[in-house]
Amino acid sequence: MTDAEFLEAFETTALPRQLWTHTAHVRMGYLMFQKYGNIEAPARISTGIRRYNESKGNPTGFHETRTVAFARLIASRIGQEADWEAFQAS
């Protein structure tokens, strides 16, 4: 699945539940920062996770503090990587 396909599947809640792993959370965060930038991405990450979890029947599977912390960590590591694979390998 390409980065664009993955992010679209997440944003439309079409991503299959079995693909919503810890690595997928990081990938989504990375792609959100790439697409929306440092100002808009954090809110989109939180909103997106809540919406996705609710669509899969998990309305309590979200923690704001952890999400903000991981989003900040992802943002702090973004450099000149060309894509998710390069970011993941760095």
C-alpha atoms as a PDB file:
ATOM      1  CA  MET A   1       0.000   0.000   0.000  1.00  0.00           C
ATOM      2  CA  THR A   2       1.478   3.348  -0.981  1.00  0.00           C
ATOM      3  CA  ASP A   3       1.757   6.189   1.512  1.00  0.00           C
ATOM      4  CA  ALA A   4      -1.123   8.029  -0.184  1.00  0.00           C
ATOM      5  CA  GLU A   5      -3.321   4.925  -0.178  1.00  0.00           C
ATOM      6  CA  PHE A   6      -2.518   4.210   3.459  1.00  0.00           C
ATOM      7  CA  LEU A   7      -3.308   7.745   4.614  1.00  0.00           C
ATOM      8  CA  GLU A   8      -6.531   7.854   2.607  1.00  0.00           C
ATOM      9  CA  ALA A   9      -7.607   4.509   4.056  1.00  0.00           C
ATOM     10  CA  PHE A  10      -6.921   5.821   7.560  1.00  0.00           C
ATOM     11  CA  GLU A  11      -8.656   9.162   7.017  1.00  0.00           C
ATOM     12  CA  THR A  12     -11.744   7.509   5.529  1.00  0.00           C
ATOM     13  CA  THR A  13     -11.692   4.776   8.218  1.00  0.00           C
ATOM     14  CA  ALA A  14     -11.398   2.143   5.467  1.00  0.00           C
ATOM     15  CA  LEU A  15      -8.099   0.810   6.823  1.00  0.00           C
ATOM     16  CA  PRO A  16      -8.731  -2.757   8.007  1.00  0.00           C
ATOM     17  CA  ARG A  17      -8.490  -3.127  11.788  1.00  0.00           C
ATOM     18  CA  GLN A  18      -5.786  -5.793  11.526  1.00  0.00           C
ATOM     19  CA  LEU A  19      -3.520  -3.241   9.797  1.00  0.00           C
ATOM     20  CA  TRP A  20      -3.911  -0.665  12.611  1.00  0.00           C
ATOM     21  CA  THR A  21      -0.706  -1.658  14.409  1.00  0.00           C
ATOM     22  CA  HIS A  22       1.739   0.415  16.452  1.00  0.00           C
ATOM     23  CA  THR A  23       3.863   0.828  13.333  1.00  0.00           C
ATOM     24  CA  ALA A  24       0.769   2.015  11.459  1.00  0.00           C
ATOM     25  CA  HIS A  25       0.197   4.679  14.124  1.00  0.00           C
ATOM     26  CA  VAL A  26       3.723   6.022  13.568  1.00  0.00           C
ATOM     27  CA  ARG A  27       3.350   5.837   9.792  1.00  0.00           C
ATOM     28  CA  MET A  28       0.078   7.746   9.970  1.00  0.00           C
ATOM     29  CA  GLY A  29       1.682  10.407  12.175  1.00  0.00           C
ATOM     30  CA  TYR A  30       4.636  10.768   9.825  1.00  0.00           C
ATOM     31  CA  LEU A  31       2.338  11.073   6.813  1.00  0.00           C
ATOM     32  CA  MET A  32       0.106  13.595   8.577  1.00  0.00           C
ATOM     33  CA  PHE A  33       3.104  15.836   9.287  1.00  0.00           C
ATOM     34  CA  GLN A  34       4.262  15.470   5.685  1.00  0.00           C
ATOM     35  CA  LYS A  35       0.824  16.363   4.305  1.00  0.00           C
ATOM     36  CA  TYR A  36      -0.461  18.939   6.797  1.00  0.00           C
ATOM     37  CA  GLY A  37       2.629  20.396   8.470  1.00  0.00           C
ATOM     38  CA  ASN A  38       3.496  21.057  12.107  1.00  0.00           C
ATOM     39  CA  ILE A  39       0.551  23.334  12.844  1.00  0.00           C
ATOM     40  CA  GLU A  40      -2.355  21.296  11.486  1.00  0.00           C
ATOM     41  CA  ALA A  41      -1.075  17.712  11.827  1.00  0.00           C
ATOM     42  CA  PRO A  42      -1.337  17.240  15.624  1.00  0.00           C
ATOM     43  CA  ALA A  43      -5.060  18.032  15.715  1.00  0.00           C
ATOM     44  CA  ARG A  44      -5.697  15.882  12.643  1.00  0.00           C
ATOM     45  CA  ILE A  45      -3.821  12.992  14.257  1.00  0.00           C
ATOM     46  CA  SER A  46      -5.918  13.141  17.439  1.00  0.00           C
ATOM     47  CA  THR A  47      -9.199  13.609  15.596  1.00  0.00           C
ATOM     48  CA  GLY A  48      -8.326  10.903  13.109  1.00  0.00           C
ATOM     49  CA  ILE A  49      -7.452   8.310  15.742  1.00  0.00           C
ATOM     50  CA  ARG A  50     -10.651   9.014  17.668  1.00  0.00           C
ATOM     51  CA  ARG A  51     -12.766   8.783  14.504  1.00  0.00           C
ATOM     52  CA  TYR A  52     -11.001   5.634  13.304  1.00  0.00           C
ATOM     53  CA  ASN A  53     -11.310   3.861  16.663  1.00  0.00           C
ATOM     54  CA  GLU A  54     -14.982   4.773  16.988  1.00  0.00           C
ATOM     55  CA  SER A  55     -15.652   3.457  13.479  1.00  0.00           C
ATOM     56  CA  LYS A  56     -14.151   0.124  14.524  1.00  0.00           C
ATOM     57  CA  GLY A  57     -16.211  -0.111  17.715  1.00  0.00           C
ATOM     58  CA  ASN A  58     -13.517   1.109  20.106  1.00  0.00           C
ATOM     59  CA  PRO A  59     -14.721   4.487  21.438  1.00  0.00           C
ATOM     60  CA  THR A  60     -12.426   4.374  24.495  1.00  0.00           C
ATOM     61  CA  GLY A  61      -9.211   3.347  22.712  1.00  0.00           C
ATOM     62  CA  PHE A  62      -7.676   6.817  22.633  1.00  0.00           C
ATOM     63  CA  HIS A  63      -5.360   8.637  25.026  1.00  0.00           C
ATOM     64  CA  GLU A  64      -4.738  12.330  24.306  1.00  0.00           C
ATOM     65  CA  THR A  65      -1.514  12.695  26.306  1.00  0.00           C
ATOM     66  CA  ARG A  66       0.117   9.668  24.679  1.00  0.00           C
ATOM     67  CA  THR A  67      -1.020  10.786  21.248  1.00  0.00           C
ATOM     68  CA  VAL A  68       0.383  14.303  21.692  1.00  0.00           C
ATOM     69  CA  ALA A  69       3.660  12.921  23.057  1.00  0.00           C
ATOM     70  CA  PHE A  70       4.108  10.499  20.159  1.00  0.00           C
ATOM     71  CA  ALA A  71       3.142  13.180  17.634  1.00  0.00           C
ATOM     72  CA  ARG A  72       5.806  15.481  19.067  1.00  0.00           C
ATOM     73  CA  LEU A  73       8.360  12.673  18.982  1.00  0.00           C
ATOM     74  CA  ILE A  74       7.553  11.908  15.343  1.00  0.00           C
ATOM     75  CA  ALA A  75       7.765  15.597  14.415  1.00  0.00           C
ATOM     76  CA  SER A  76      11.131  15.928  16.152  1.00  0.00           C
ATOM     77  CA  ARG A  77      12.567  13.074  14.070  1.00  0.00           C
ATOM     78  CA  ILE A  78      11.386  14.209  10.651  1.00  0.00           C
ATOM     79  CA  GLY A  79      14.320  15.238   8.511  1.00  0.00           C
ATOM     80  CA  GLN A  80      14.998  14.970   4.825  1.00  0.00           C
ATOM     81  CA  GLU A  81      13.537  11.489   4.347  1.00  0.00           C
ATOM     82  CA  ALA A  82      11.893  11.023   0.973  1.00  0.00           C
ATOM     83  CA  ASP A  83       9.170   8.683   2.199  1.00  0.00           C
ATOM     84  CA  TRP A  84       7.906   6.486   5.035  1.00  0.00           C
ATOM     85  CA  GLU A  85      10.401   3.678   4.378  1.00  0.00           C
ATOM     86  CA  ALA A  86      13.319   6.092   4.679  1.00  0.00           C
ATOM     87  CA  PHE A  87      11.864   7.626   7.846  1.00  0.00           C
ATOM     88  CA  GLN A  88      11.267   4.205   9.364  1.00  0.00           C
ATOM     89  CA  ALA A  89      14.821   3.131   8.592  1.00  0.00           C
ATOM     90  CA  SER A  90      16.364   6.265  10.111  1.00  0.00           C
END
